Amino acid sequence: MSREDLFKKICNLAGPAITVAKADDGWPGTANVKLTDGSIVRVAIHASLVGSHARKAYELRFQNPGSRKPVEAPAGALPILLGYWEKDNQAIFVATQGASRLGREARFSILFRDSVVKEALANGWAIYTSSNQEQIFAFQPSLLPTYVELLYRGIDSTVISSTSGEIATAAIAAGLLEDETEGGKERARRAVSQVIRNSAFGQAVVTAYQKKCALCGLGAGMVQGAHIYPASAPGSLDKVWNGIALCCNHHTAFDAFKIWIDPNSYAVKFHPDLVALAKSDPIVQRFLDTTFKAMTMPSDAAAKPRAAMLEGRYKYYEERYEWV
């Protein structure tokens, strides 16, 4: 199979969200990818077949052509290195970003363990981190647009690693491995893309708060970006001013409606049950004592939580905040 034909086959298997722009010789071929929010992203796919590696029985690889043609990408296109693996009529794409190899003339191989392909067959999505810390993704063909969205949104590698399991869970729950129809694949893609959008939002929020919890100051990589007006609510936006950076404990308490933040003063108030429990539980008391009297603000005023987001939350969950 020529690289041009391989590129076209890859685009066809990925589904209607990806359309060929120019096949060329498949190193690269360019395509337009439609994200779930309607955005169109141009990609330069460098297509290659996955094969075994003689050095180690469990190792697979794909590589650039023998002509040593460099990785390249038209202006504005995301360069992607993509290997095609197939067995018993089951196909898996193995991909990594190509930006680090732009213009590189030397021959190279993308090496990875066969276990990542097996995991992608079983769960729809898997990540392998190579010895040089390069992230290599294996996924069902219909999730290629989702991988493009991940690169397009520039999500940090540590965030990607932490959400890998959530991505696979979302894909399976949406029926990716059971429903072979285009409708089923699209539902799975949307579910997984939502996980990625949430990750991008969380990363932006955490960065705005200098990677520290707004309610206790804890950092150490244990902070998450939480929606104020919930993502499930009508009209909710993934804007930093609709988010707050929280450690795992404060995030849980916030989502459990145990914490109320004043929309005007940003003072913190605890649920009466939590206050009562603290009288007999020193650990709970310590939690209350280490919580700020008022939440801290991000350094950028534009990222400051909008009062309307807090008010909208309290109205949306009106019955859960009757204690206030």
C-alpha atoms as a PDB file:
ATOM      1  CA  MET A   1       0.000   0.000   0.000  1.00  0.00           C
ATOM      2  CA  SER A   2       1.387   3.403  -0.971  1.00  0.00           C
ATOM      3  CA  ARG A   3       1.622   6.134   1.651  1.00  0.00           C
ATOM      4  CA  GLU A   4      -0.928   8.152  -0.296  1.00  0.00           C
ATOM      5  CA  ASP A   5      -3.416   5.257  -0.159  1.00  0.00           C
ATOM      6  CA  LEU A   6      -2.589   4.706   3.514  1.00  0.00           C
ATOM      7  CA  PHE A   7      -3.276   8.368   4.270  1.00  0.00           C
ATOM      8  CA  LYS A   8      -6.647   8.196   2.501  1.00  0.00           C
ATOM      9  CA  LYS A   9      -7.542   4.996   4.347  1.00  0.00           C
ATOM     10  CA  ILE A  10      -6.683   6.641   7.672  1.00  0.00           C
ATOM     11  CA  CYS A  11      -8.923   9.613   6.909  1.00  0.00           C
ATOM     12  CA  ASN A  12     -11.752   7.333   5.787  1.00  0.00           C
ATOM     13  CA  LEU A  13     -11.592   5.185   8.925  1.00  0.00           C
ATOM     14  CA  ALA A  14     -11.560   8.284  11.134  1.00  0.00           C
ATOM     15  CA  GLY A  15     -15.075   9.149   9.968  1.00  0.00           C
ATOM     16  CA  PRO A  16     -16.890  12.198   8.584  1.00  0.00           C
ATOM     17  CA  ALA A  17     -15.258  14.658  10.996  1.00  0.00           C
ATOM     18  CA  ILE A  18     -12.061  14.489   8.933  1.00  0.00           C
ATOM     19  CA  THR A  19     -11.826  15.348   5.230  1.00  0.00           C
ATOM     20  CA  VAL A  20      -8.852  15.078   2.898  1.00  0.00           C
ATOM     21  CA  ALA A  21      -7.441  18.409   1.768  1.00  0.00           C
ATOM     22  CA  LYS A  22      -4.432  17.151  -0.186  1.00  0.00           C
ATOM     23  CA  ALA A  23      -3.157  13.585  -0.177  1.00  0.00           C
ATOM     24  CA  ASP A  24       0.254  14.182  -1.755  1.00  0.00           C
ATOM     25  CA  ASP A  25       2.426  11.149  -0.927  1.00  0.00           C
ATOM     26  CA  GLY A  26       1.088  10.756   2.602  1.00  0.00           C
ATOM     27  CA  TRP A  27       4.239  12.191   4.184  1.00  0.00           C
ATOM     28  CA  PRO A  28       2.485  14.393   4.873  1.00  0.00           C
ATOM     29  CA  GLY A  29      -1.045  14.453   3.582  1.00  0.00           C
ATOM     30  CA  THR A  30      -3.174  17.339   4.814  1.00  0.00           C
ATOM     31  CA  ALA A  31      -6.719  17.114   6.137  1.00  0.00           C
ATOM     32  CA  ASN A  32      -9.317  19.293   7.820  1.00  0.00           C
ATOM     33  CA  VAL A  33     -10.668  18.092  11.148  1.00  0.00           C
ATOM     34  CA  LYS A  34     -13.963  19.346  12.571  1.00  0.00           C
ATOM     35  CA  LEU A  35     -13.994  19.484  16.366  1.00  0.00           C
ATOM     36  CA  THR A  36     -17.146  19.001  18.404  1.00  0.00           C
ATOM     37  CA  ASP A  37     -17.426  22.761  19.009  1.00  0.00           C
ATOM     38  CA  GLY A  38     -17.444  23.376  15.242  1.00  0.00           C
ATOM     39  CA  SER A  39     -13.819  24.547  14.977  1.00  0.00           C
ATOM     40  CA  ILE A  40     -11.879  23.412  11.902  1.00  0.00           C
ATOM     41  CA  VAL A  41      -8.240  22.406  12.407  1.00  0.00           C
ATOM     42  CA  ARG A  42      -5.799  21.691   9.569  1.00  0.00           C
ATOM     43  CA  VAL A  43      -3.453  18.758  10.207  1.00  0.00           C
ATOM     44  CA  ALA A  44      -0.437  17.382   8.360  1.00  0.00           C
ATOM     45  CA  ILE A  45      -0.502  13.607   8.842  1.00  0.00           C
ATOM     46  CA  HIS A  46       2.707  11.688   8.244  1.00  0.00           C
ATOM     47  CA  ALA A  47       1.386   8.167   7.645  1.00  0.00           C
ATOM     48  CA  SER A  48       3.356   4.975   8.158  1.00  0.00           C
ATOM     49  CA  LEU A  49       2.674   1.297   8.823  1.00  0.00           C
ATOM     50  CA  VAL A  50       3.383  -0.152  12.264  1.00  0.00           C
ATOM     51  CA  GLY A  51       5.689  -3.146  12.257  1.00  0.00           C
ATOM     52  CA  SER A  52       7.678  -5.280  14.659  1.00  0.00           C
ATOM     53  CA  HIS A  53      11.138  -4.350  15.870  1.00  0.00           C
ATOM     54  CA  ALA A  54      13.825  -7.011  15.711  1.00  0.00           C
ATOM     55  CA  ARG A  55      15.568  -5.759  18.842  1.00  0.00           C
ATOM     56  CA  LYS A  56      12.801  -6.706  21.300  1.00  0.00           C
ATOM     57  CA  ALA A  57       9.901  -9.105  20.771  1.00  0.00           C
ATOM     58  CA  TYR A  58       7.390  -6.889  22.586  1.00  0.00           C
ATOM     59  CA  GLU A  59       8.406  -3.689  20.784  1.00  0.00           C
ATOM     60  CA  LEU A  60       6.624  -2.141  17.798  1.00  0.00           C
ATOM     61  CA  ARG A  61       7.563   0.836  15.680  1.00  0.00           C
ATOM     62  CA  PHE A  62       6.815   3.039  12.715  1.00  0.00           C
ATOM     63  CA  GLN A  63       9.274   5.362  10.998  1.00  0.00           C
ATOM     64  CA  ASN A  64       9.885   8.003   8.363  1.00  0.00           C
ATOM     65  CA  PRO A  65      10.553   6.960   4.752  1.00  0.00           C
ATOM     66  CA  GLY A  66      13.905   5.584   3.698  1.00  0.00           C
ATOM     67  CA  SER A  67      14.433   8.712   1.599  1.00  0.00           C
ATOM     68  CA  ARG A  68      14.869  10.534   4.930  1.00  0.00           C
ATOM     69  CA  LYS A  69      12.381  13.165   3.881  1.00  0.00           C
ATOM     70  CA  PRO A  70      11.961  15.533   6.848  1.00  0.00           C
ATOM     71  CA  VAL A  71       8.779  16.046   8.794  1.00  0.00           C
ATOM     72  CA  GLU A  72       7.050  19.134   7.450  1.00  0.00           C
ATOM     73  CA  ALA A  73       3.763  20.948   7.755  1.00  0.00           C
ATOM     74  CA  PRO A  74       2.074  23.768   5.815  1.00  0.00           C
ATOM     75  CA  ALA A  75       1.730  26.995   7.750  1.00  0.00           C
ATOM     76  CA  GLY A  76      -0.955  26.692  10.405  1.00  0.00           C
ATOM     77  CA  ALA A  77      -1.199  22.889  10.207  1.00  0.00           C
ATOM     78  CA  LEU A  78      -0.559  20.615  13.180  1.00  0.00           C
ATOM     79  CA  PRO A  79       2.113  18.021  12.278  1.00  0.00           C
ATOM     80  CA  ILE A  80       1.180  14.511  13.400  1.00  0.00           C
ATOM     81  CA  LEU A  81       3.164  11.275  13.085  1.00  0.00           C
ATOM     82  CA  LEU A  82       0.668   8.443  12.735  1.00  0.00           C
ATOM     83  CA  GLY A  83       1.271   4.724  12.540  1.00  0.00           C
ATOM     84  CA  TYR A  84      -1.363   2.320  11.240  1.00  0.00           C
ATOM     85  CA  TRP A  85      -1.690  -1.085  12.931  1.00  0.00           C
ATOM     86  CA  GLU A  86      -4.113  -3.778  11.803  1.00  0.00           C
ATOM     87  CA  LYS A  87      -4.819  -7.381  12.758  1.00  0.00           C
ATOM     88  CA  ASP A  88      -7.869  -9.543  12.067  1.00  0.00           C
ATOM     89  CA  ASN A  89      -9.613  -6.548  10.458  1.00  0.00           C
ATOM     90  CA  GLN A  90      -9.178  -4.482  13.633  1.00  0.00           C
ATOM     91  CA  ALA A  91      -7.321  -1.221  13.169  1.00  0.00           C
ATOM     92  CA  ILE A  92      -5.580   0.966  15.746  1.00  0.00           C
ATOM     93  CA  PHE A  93      -3.902   4.326  15.153  1.00  0.00           C
ATOM     94  CA  VAL A  94      -0.678   5.091  17.034  1.00  0.00           C
ATOM     95  CA  ALA A  95       0.241   8.762  17.044  1.00  0.00           C
ATOM     96  CA  THR A  96       2.539  11.403  18.471  1.00  0.00           C
ATOM     97  CA  GLN A  97       3.044  15.084  17.761  1.00  0.00           C
ATOM     98  CA  GLY A  98       5.493  15.842  14.962  1.00  0.00           C
ATOM     99  CA  ALA A  99       6.582  19.349  15.958  1.00  0.00           C
ATOM    100  CA  SER A 100       9.772  18.128  17.639  1.00  0.00           C
ATOM    101  CA  ARG A 101      10.919  16.525  14.371  1.00  0.00           C
ATOM    102  CA  LEU A 102      10.112  19.332  11.927  1.00  0.00           C
ATOM    103  CA  GLY A 103      12.908  19.569   9.351  1.00  0.00           C
ATOM    104  CA  ARG A 104      14.818  16.633  10.802  1.00  0.00           C
ATOM    105  CA  GLU A 105      16.670  14.825   8.034  1.00  0.00           C
ATOM    106  CA  ALA A 106      17.935  11.821   9.990  1.00  0.00           C
ATOM    107  CA  ARG A 107      16.099   8.491   9.959  1.00  0.00           C
ATOM    108  CA  PHE A 108      14.066   7.908  13.079  1.00  0.00           C
ATOM    109  CA  SER A 109      11.693   5.345  14.545  1.00  0.00           C
ATOM    110  CA  ILE A 110       8.760   5.796  16.906  1.00  0.00           C
ATOM    111  CA  LEU A 111       9.182   2.892  19.330  1.00  0.00           C
ATOM    112  CA  PHE A 112       6.543   1.639  21.757  1.00  0.00           C
ATOM    113  CA  ARG A 113       5.445  -1.511  23.553  1.00  0.00           C
ATOM    114  CA  ASP A 114       2.793  -3.720  21.989  1.00  0.00           C
ATOM    115  CA  SER A 115       0.854  -3.473  25.267  1.00  0.00           C
ATOM    116  CA  VAL A 116      -0.343   0.019  24.340  1.00  0.00           C
ATOM    117  CA  VAL A 117      -2.006  -1.364  21.195  1.00  0.00           C
ATOM    118  CA  LYS A 118      -3.649  -4.148  23.183  1.00  0.00           C
ATOM    119  CA  GLU A 119      -4.935  -1.596  25.693  1.00  0.00           C
ATOM    120  CA  ALA A 120      -6.371   0.548  22.901  1.00  0.00           C
ATOM    121  CA  LEU A 121      -8.150  -2.515  21.475  1.00  0.00           C
ATOM    122  CA  ALA A 122      -9.691  -3.225  24.871  1.00  0.00           C
ATOM    123  CA  ASN A 123     -10.462   0.319  26.040  1.00  0.00           C
ATOM    124  CA  GLY A 124     -10.467   2.478  22.917  1.00  0.00           C
ATOM    125  CA  TRP A 125      -7.644   4.736  24.146  1.00  0.00           C
ATOM    126  CA  ALA A 126      -4.196   4.325  25.684  1.00  0.00           C
ATOM    127  CA  ILE A 127      -1.023   6.327  26.328  1.00  0.00           C
ATOM    128  CA  TYR A 128       2.577   5.134  26.346  1.00  0.00           C
ATOM    129  CA  THR A 129       5.436   7.312  27.603  1.00  0.00           C
ATOM    130  CA  SER A 130       8.735   6.432  25.955  1.00  0.00           C
ATOM    131  CA  SER A 131      12.161   6.428  27.597  1.00  0.00           C
ATOM    132  CA  ASN A 132      12.748  10.001  26.382  1.00  0.00           C
ATOM    133  CA  GLN A 133       9.381  11.084  27.913  1.00  0.00           C
ATOM    134  CA  GLU A 134       7.586  11.365  24.571  1.00  0.00           C
ATOM    135  CA  GLN A 135       3.870  10.613  24.824  1.00  0.00           C
ATOM    136  CA  ILE A 136       2.604   8.110  22.260  1.00  0.00           C
ATOM    137  CA  PHE A 137      -1.147   7.569  21.909  1.00  0.00           C
ATOM    138  CA  ALA A 138      -2.978   4.511  20.639  1.00  0.00           C
ATOM    139  CA  PHE A 139      -6.697   4.754  19.895  1.00  0.00           C
ATOM    140  CA  GLN A 140      -9.620   3.546  17.853  1.00  0.00           C
ATOM    141  CA  PRO A 141      -9.704   5.269  14.400  1.00  0.00           C
ATOM    142  CA  SER A 142     -12.876   7.254  15.176  1.00  0.00           C
ATOM    143  CA  LEU A 143     -10.983   9.033  17.983  1.00  0.00           C
ATOM    144  CA  LEU A 144      -8.454  10.649  15.637  1.00  0.00           C
ATOM    145  CA  PRO A 145     -10.397  13.966  15.742  1.00  0.00           C
ATOM    146  CA  THR A 146     -10.278  13.728  19.542  1.00  0.00           C
ATOM    147  CA  TYR A 147      -6.487  13.350  19.450  1.00  0.00           C
ATOM    148  CA  VAL A 148      -6.300  16.394  17.176  1.00  0.00           C
ATOM    149  CA  GLU A 149      -8.399  18.342  19.678  1.00  0.00           C
ATOM    150  CA  LEU A 150      -5.993  17.368  22.447  1.00  0.00           C
ATOM    151  CA  LEU A 151      -3.026  18.756  20.476  1.00  0.00           C
ATOM    152  CA  TYR A 152      -4.960  21.812  19.330  1.00  0.00           C
ATOM    153  CA  ARG A 153      -5.851  22.823  22.880  1.00  0.00           C
ATOM    154  CA  GLY A 154      -2.251  22.440  24.055  1.00  0.00           C
ATOM    155  CA  ILE A 155      -3.032  20.451  27.178  1.00  0.00           C
ATOM    156  CA  ASP A 156      -0.065  19.852  29.469  1.00  0.00           C
ATOM    157  CA  SER A 157       1.427  16.349  29.314  1.00  0.00           C
ATOM    158  CA  THR A 158       0.896  15.741  33.027  1.00  0.00           C
ATOM    159  CA  VAL A 159      -2.776  16.674  32.701  1.00  0.00           C
ATOM    160  CA  ILE A 160      -3.109  14.328  29.731  1.00  0.00           C
ATOM    161  CA  SER A 161      -1.609  11.460  31.708  1.00  0.00           C
ATOM    162  CA  SER A 162      -3.919  12.045  34.667  1.00  0.00           C
ATOM    163  CA  THR A 163      -7.031  12.078  32.471  1.00  0.00           C
ATOM    164  CA  SER A 164      -6.119   9.078  30.303  1.00  0.00           C
ATOM    165  CA  GLY A 165      -8.230   6.699  32.371  1.00  0.00           C
ATOM    166  CA  GLU A 166     -11.149   9.127  32.320  1.00  0.00           C
ATOM    167  CA  ILE A 167     -10.929   9.344  28.527  1.00  0.00           C
ATOM    168  CA  ALA A 168     -11.040   5.552  28.160  1.00  0.00           C
ATOM    169  CA  THR A 169     -13.938   5.317  30.624  1.00  0.00           C
ATOM    170  CA  ALA A 170     -15.909   7.947  28.713  1.00  0.00           C
ATOM    171  CA  ALA A 171     -15.307   6.157  25.407  1.00  0.00           C
ATOM    172  CA  ILE A 172     -16.456   2.801  26.754  1.00  0.00           C
ATOM    173  CA  ALA A 173     -19.480   4.294  28.536  1.00  0.00           C
ATOM    174  CA  ALA A 174     -20.550   5.970  25.308  1.00  0.00           C
ATOM    175  CA  GLY A 175     -20.478   2.597  23.515  1.00  0.00           C
ATOM    176  CA  LEU A 176     -17.368   3.037  21.364  1.00  0.00           C
ATOM    177  CA  LEU A 177     -16.510  -0.660  21.472  1.00  0.00           C
ATOM    178  CA  GLU A 178     -20.095  -1.901  21.065  1.00  0.00           C
ATOM    179  CA  ASP A 179     -21.819   0.415  18.605  1.00  0.00           C
ATOM    180  CA  GLU A 180     -20.075   0.280  15.209  1.00  0.00           C
ATOM    181  CA  THR A 181     -22.475   2.735  13.574  1.00  0.00           C
ATOM    182  CA  GLU A 182     -21.362   6.256  12.714  1.00  0.00           C
ATOM    183  CA  GLY A 183     -23.874   7.552  15.253  1.00  0.00           C
ATOM    184  CA  GLY A 184     -22.328   5.425  17.977  1.00  0.00           C
ATOM    185  CA  LYS A 185     -18.816   6.518  17.102  1.00  0.00           C
ATOM    186  CA  GLU A 186     -19.890  10.162  17.102  1.00  0.00           C
ATOM    187  CA  ARG A 187     -21.458   9.832  20.563  1.00  0.00           C
ATOM    188  CA  ALA A 188     -18.235   8.344  21.888  1.00  0.00           C
ATOM    189  CA  ARG A 189     -16.149  11.039  20.246  1.00  0.00           C
ATOM    190  CA  ARG A 190     -18.276  13.770  21.791  1.00  0.00           C
ATOM    191  CA  ALA A 191     -18.065  12.162  25.216  1.00  0.00           C
ATOM    192  CA  VAL A 192     -14.285  11.912  25.037  1.00  0.00           C
ATOM    193  CA  SER A 193     -13.945  15.421  23.598  1.00  0.00           C
ATOM    194  CA  GLN A 194     -15.871  16.735  26.604  1.00  0.00           C
ATOM    195  CA  VAL A 195     -13.252  15.191  28.873  1.00  0.00           C
ATOM    196  CA  ILE A 196     -10.532  16.940  26.891  1.00  0.00           C
ATOM    197  CA  ARG A 197     -12.345  20.298  26.944  1.00  0.00           C
ATOM    198  CA  ASN A 198     -12.782  19.952  30.704  1.00  0.00           C
ATOM    199  CA  SER A 199      -9.068  19.232  31.034  1.00  0.00           C
ATOM    200  CA  ALA A 200      -8.178  22.319  28.995  1.00  0.00           C
ATOM    201  CA  PHE A 201     -10.512  24.422  31.125  1.00  0.00           C
ATOM    202  CA  GLY A 202      -9.094  22.991  34.351  1.00  0.00           C
ATOM    203  CA  GLN A 203      -5.538  23.652  33.220  1.00  0.00           C
ATOM    204  CA  ALA A 204      -6.355  27.290  32.416  1.00  0.00           C
ATOM    205  CA  VAL A 205      -8.051  27.810  35.786  1.00  0.00           C
ATOM    206  CA  VAL A 206      -5.242  26.220  37.800  1.00  0.00           C
ATOM    207  CA  THR A 207      -2.677  28.332  35.948  1.00  0.00           C
ATOM    208  CA  ALA A 208      -4.677  31.504  36.708  1.00  0.00           C
ATOM    209  CA  TYR A 209      -4.444  30.727  40.435  1.00  0.00           C
ATOM    210  CA  GLN A 210      -0.685  30.086  40.290  1.00  0.00           C
ATOM    211  CA  LYS A 211      -1.397  26.365  40.732  1.00  0.00           C
ATOM    212  CA  LYS A 212      -2.599  26.836  44.304  1.00  0.00           C
ATOM    213  CA  CYS A 213      -5.929  26.122  45.951  1.00  0.00           C
ATOM    214  CA  ALA A 214      -7.997  29.315  46.322  1.00  0.00           C
ATOM    215  CA  LEU A 215      -9.328  28.112  49.680  1.00  0.00           C
ATOM    216  CA  CYS A 216      -6.204  26.853  51.460  1.00  0.00           C
ATOM    217  CA  GLY A 217      -3.154  27.646  49.325  1.00  0.00           C
ATOM    218  CA  LEU A 218      -2.108  24.029  48.750  1.00  0.00           C
ATOM    219  CA  GLY A 219      -0.128  23.451  45.565  1.00  0.00           C
ATOM    220  CA  ALA A 220       2.256  20.536  44.995  1.00  0.00           C
ATOM    221  CA  GLY A 221       0.395  19.454  41.863  1.00  0.00           C
ATOM    222  CA  MET A 222      -2.727  18.569  43.875  1.00  0.00           C
ATOM    223  CA  VAL A 223      -5.008  21.306  42.524  1.00  0.00           C
ATOM    224  CA  GLN A 224      -7.910  21.037  40.086  1.00  0.00           C
ATOM    225  CA  GLY A 225      -9.933  23.536  38.112  1.00  0.00           C
ATOM    226  CA  ALA A 226     -13.625  23.403  39.084  1.00  0.00           C
ATOM    227  CA  HIS A 227     -16.591  24.961  37.311  1.00  0.00           C
ATOM    228  CA  ILE A 228     -18.584  27.405  39.449  1.00  0.00           C
ATOM    229  CA  TYR A 229     -21.717  27.504  37.307  1.00  0.00           C
ATOM    230  CA  PRO A 230     -21.728  23.780  36.433  1.00  0.00           C
ATOM    231  CA  ALA A 231     -20.745  22.500  33.011  1.00  0.00           C
ATOM    232  CA  SER A 232     -24.031  20.552  32.858  1.00  0.00           C
ATOM    233  CA  ALA A 233     -26.127  23.723  33.256  1.00  0.00           C
ATOM    234  CA  PRO A 234     -27.619  25.494  30.220  1.00  0.00           C
ATOM    235  CA  GLY A 235     -25.367  28.249  28.922  1.00  0.00           C
ATOM    236  CA  SER A 236     -22.353  27.259  31.020  1.00  0.00           C
ATOM    237  CA  LEU A 237     -19.080  28.505  29.536  1.00  0.00           C
ATOM    238  CA  ASP A 238     -15.541  27.160  29.850  1.00  0.00           C
ATOM    239  CA  LYS A 239     -14.181  30.570  30.807  1.00  0.00           C
ATOM    240  CA  VAL A 240     -11.586  31.088  33.517  1.00  0.00           C
ATOM    241  CA  TRP A 241     -13.941  33.510  35.319  1.00  0.00           C
ATOM    242  CA  ASN A 242     -16.368  30.583  35.675  1.00  0.00           C
ATOM    243  CA  GLY A 243     -13.757  28.529  37.494  1.00  0.00           C
ATOM    244  CA  ILE A 244     -11.930  28.237  40.775  1.00  0.00           C
ATOM    245  CA  ALA A 245      -8.748  26.325  41.588  1.00  0.00           C
ATOM    246  CA  LEU A 246      -9.302  23.863  44.434  1.00  0.00           C
ATOM    247  CA  CYS A 247      -7.352  21.084  46.102  1.00  0.00           C
ATOM    248  CA  CYS A 248      -9.005  17.668  46.082  1.00  0.00           C
ATOM    249  CA  ASN A 249     -10.536  18.121  49.558  1.00  0.00           C
ATOM    250  CA  HIS A 250     -11.999  21.551  48.879  1.00  0.00           C
ATOM    251  CA  HIS A 251     -13.175  20.456  45.431  1.00  0.00           C
ATOM    252  CA  THR A 252     -15.054  17.566  46.998  1.00  0.00           C
ATOM    253  CA  ALA A 253     -16.582  19.819  49.657  1.00  0.00           C
ATOM    254  CA  PHE A 254     -17.558  22.393  47.013  1.00  0.00           C
ATOM    255  CA  ASP A 255     -19.215  19.766  44.806  1.00  0.00           C
ATOM    256  CA  ALA A 256     -20.973  18.295  47.873  1.00  0.00           C
ATOM    257  CA  PHE A 257     -22.509  21.731  48.645  1.00  0.00           C
ATOM    258  CA  LYS A 258     -20.682  21.889  51.987  1.00  0.00           C
ATOM    259  CA  ILE A 259     -19.061  25.225  51.103  1.00  0.00           C
ATOM    260  CA  TRP A 260     -20.735  28.494  50.106  1.00  0.00           C
ATOM    261  CA  ILE A 261     -18.802  31.480  48.749  1.00  0.00           C
ATOM    262  CA  ASP A 262     -20.342  34.940  48.974  1.00  0.00           C
ATOM    263  CA  PRO A 263     -20.743  36.372  45.426  1.00  0.00           C
ATOM    264  CA  ASN A 264     -19.744  39.860  46.589  1.00  0.00           C
ATOM    265  CA  SER A 265     -17.177  39.491  49.384  1.00  0.00           C
ATOM    266  CA  TYR A 266     -16.023  35.964  48.454  1.00  0.00           C
ATOM    267  CA  ALA A 267     -16.223  35.046  52.146  1.00  0.00           C
ATOM    268  CA  VAL A 268     -16.402  31.309  52.831  1.00  0.00           C
ATOM    269  CA  LYS A 269     -19.230  29.697  54.806  1.00  0.00           C
ATOM    270  CA  PHE A 270     -19.474  26.038  55.842  1.00  0.00           C
ATOM    271  CA  HIS A 271     -22.542  23.805  55.996  1.00  0.00           C
ATOM    272  CA  PRO A 272     -23.877  23.571  59.596  1.00  0.00           C
ATOM    273  CA  ASP A 273     -23.472  19.775  59.556  1.00  0.00           C
ATOM    274  CA  LEU A 274     -19.772  20.183  58.861  1.00  0.00           C
ATOM    275  CA  VAL A 275     -19.399  22.727  61.650  1.00  0.00           C
ATOM    276  CA  ALA A 276     -21.221  20.419  64.081  1.00  0.00           C
ATOM    277  CA  LEU A 277     -19.103  17.419  63.088  1.00  0.00           C
ATOM    278  CA  ALA A 278     -15.925  19.404  63.688  1.00  0.00           C
ATOM    279  CA  LYS A 279     -16.757  19.613  67.410  1.00  0.00           C
ATOM    280  CA  SER A 280     -16.211  15.871  67.789  1.00  0.00           C
ATOM    281  CA  ASP A 281     -13.785  15.227  64.925  1.00  0.00           C
ATOM    282  CA  PRO A 282     -10.391  16.991  65.156  1.00  0.00           C
ATOM    283  CA  ILE A 283      -9.563  16.154  61.539  1.00  0.00           C
ATOM    284  CA  VAL A 284     -12.673  17.959  60.299  1.00  0.00           C
ATOM    285  CA  GLN A 285     -11.849  20.845  62.637  1.00  0.00           C
ATOM    286  CA  ARG A 286      -8.391  21.028  61.116  1.00  0.00           C
ATOM    287  CA  PHE A 287      -9.984  21.173  57.667  1.00  0.00           C
ATOM    288  CA  LEU A 288     -12.108  24.152  58.751  1.00  0.00           C
ATOM    289  CA  ASP A 289      -9.179  25.863  60.461  1.00  0.00           C
ATOM    290  CA  THR A 290      -6.925  25.608  57.413  1.00  0.00           C
ATOM    291  CA  THR A 291      -9.572  27.021  55.064  1.00  0.00           C
ATOM    292  CA  PHE A 292      -9.232  30.734  54.292  1.00  0.00           C
ATOM    293  CA  LYS A 293     -11.935  33.069  55.613  1.00  0.00           C
ATOM    294  CA  ALA A 294     -12.294  34.336  52.059  1.00  0.00           C
ATOM    295  CA  MET A 295     -11.038  32.798  48.835  1.00  0.00           C
ATOM    296  CA  THR A 296      -7.902  34.187  47.240  1.00  0.00           C
ATOM    297  CA  MET A 297      -8.100  35.790  43.802  1.00  0.00           C
ATOM    298  CA  PRO A 298      -6.075  35.134  40.662  1.00  0.00           C
ATOM    299  CA  SER A 299      -3.435  37.755  39.865  1.00  0.00           C
ATOM    300  CA  ASP A 300      -5.175  38.652  36.597  1.00  0.00           C
ATOM    301  CA  ALA A 301      -8.332  40.638  37.387  1.00  0.00           C
ATOM    302  CA  ALA A 302      -9.950  39.334  34.196  1.00  0.00           C
ATOM    303  CA  ALA A 303      -9.820  35.804  35.638  1.00  0.00           C
ATOM    304  CA  LYS A 304     -11.581  36.778  38.870  1.00  0.00           C
ATOM    305  CA  PRO A 305     -14.755  34.706  39.427  1.00  0.00           C
ATOM    306  CA  ARG A 306     -17.801  36.625  38.312  1.00  0.00           C
ATOM    307  CA  ALA A 307     -20.523  37.123  40.884  1.00  0.00           C
ATOM    308  CA  ALA A 308     -23.076  36.042  38.272  1.00  0.00           C
ATOM    309  CA  MET A 309     -21.438  32.595  38.098  1.00  0.00           C
ATOM    310  CA  LEU A 310     -21.789  32.048  41.843  1.00  0.00           C
ATOM    311  CA  GLU A 311     -25.349  33.409  41.821  1.00  0.00           C
ATOM    312  CA  GLY A 312     -26.179  31.150  38.888  1.00  0.00           C
ATOM    313  CA  ARG A 313     -24.798  28.145  40.744  1.00  0.00           C
ATOM    314  CA  TYR A 314     -26.908  28.841  43.824  1.00  0.00           C
ATOM    315  CA  LYS A 315     -30.022  29.241  41.729  1.00  0.00           C
ATOM    316  CA  TYR A 316     -29.322  26.096  39.699  1.00  0.00           C
ATOM    317  CA  TYR A 317     -28.817  24.071  42.898  1.00  0.00           C
ATOM    318  CA  GLU A 318     -31.316  26.071  44.931  1.00  0.00           C
ATOM    319  CA  GLU A 319     -32.512  23.207  47.129  1.00  0.00           C
ATOM    320  CA  ARG A 320     -28.949  22.142  47.951  1.00  0.00           C
ATOM    321  CA  TYR A 321     -28.135  25.588  49.296  1.00  0.00           C
ATOM    322  CA  GLU A 322     -31.233  26.116  51.452  1.00  0.00           C
ATOM    323  CA  TRP A 323     -28.970  25.825  54.527  1.00  0.00           C
ATOM    324  CA  VAL A 324     -27.396  29.177  53.661  1.00  0.00           C
END
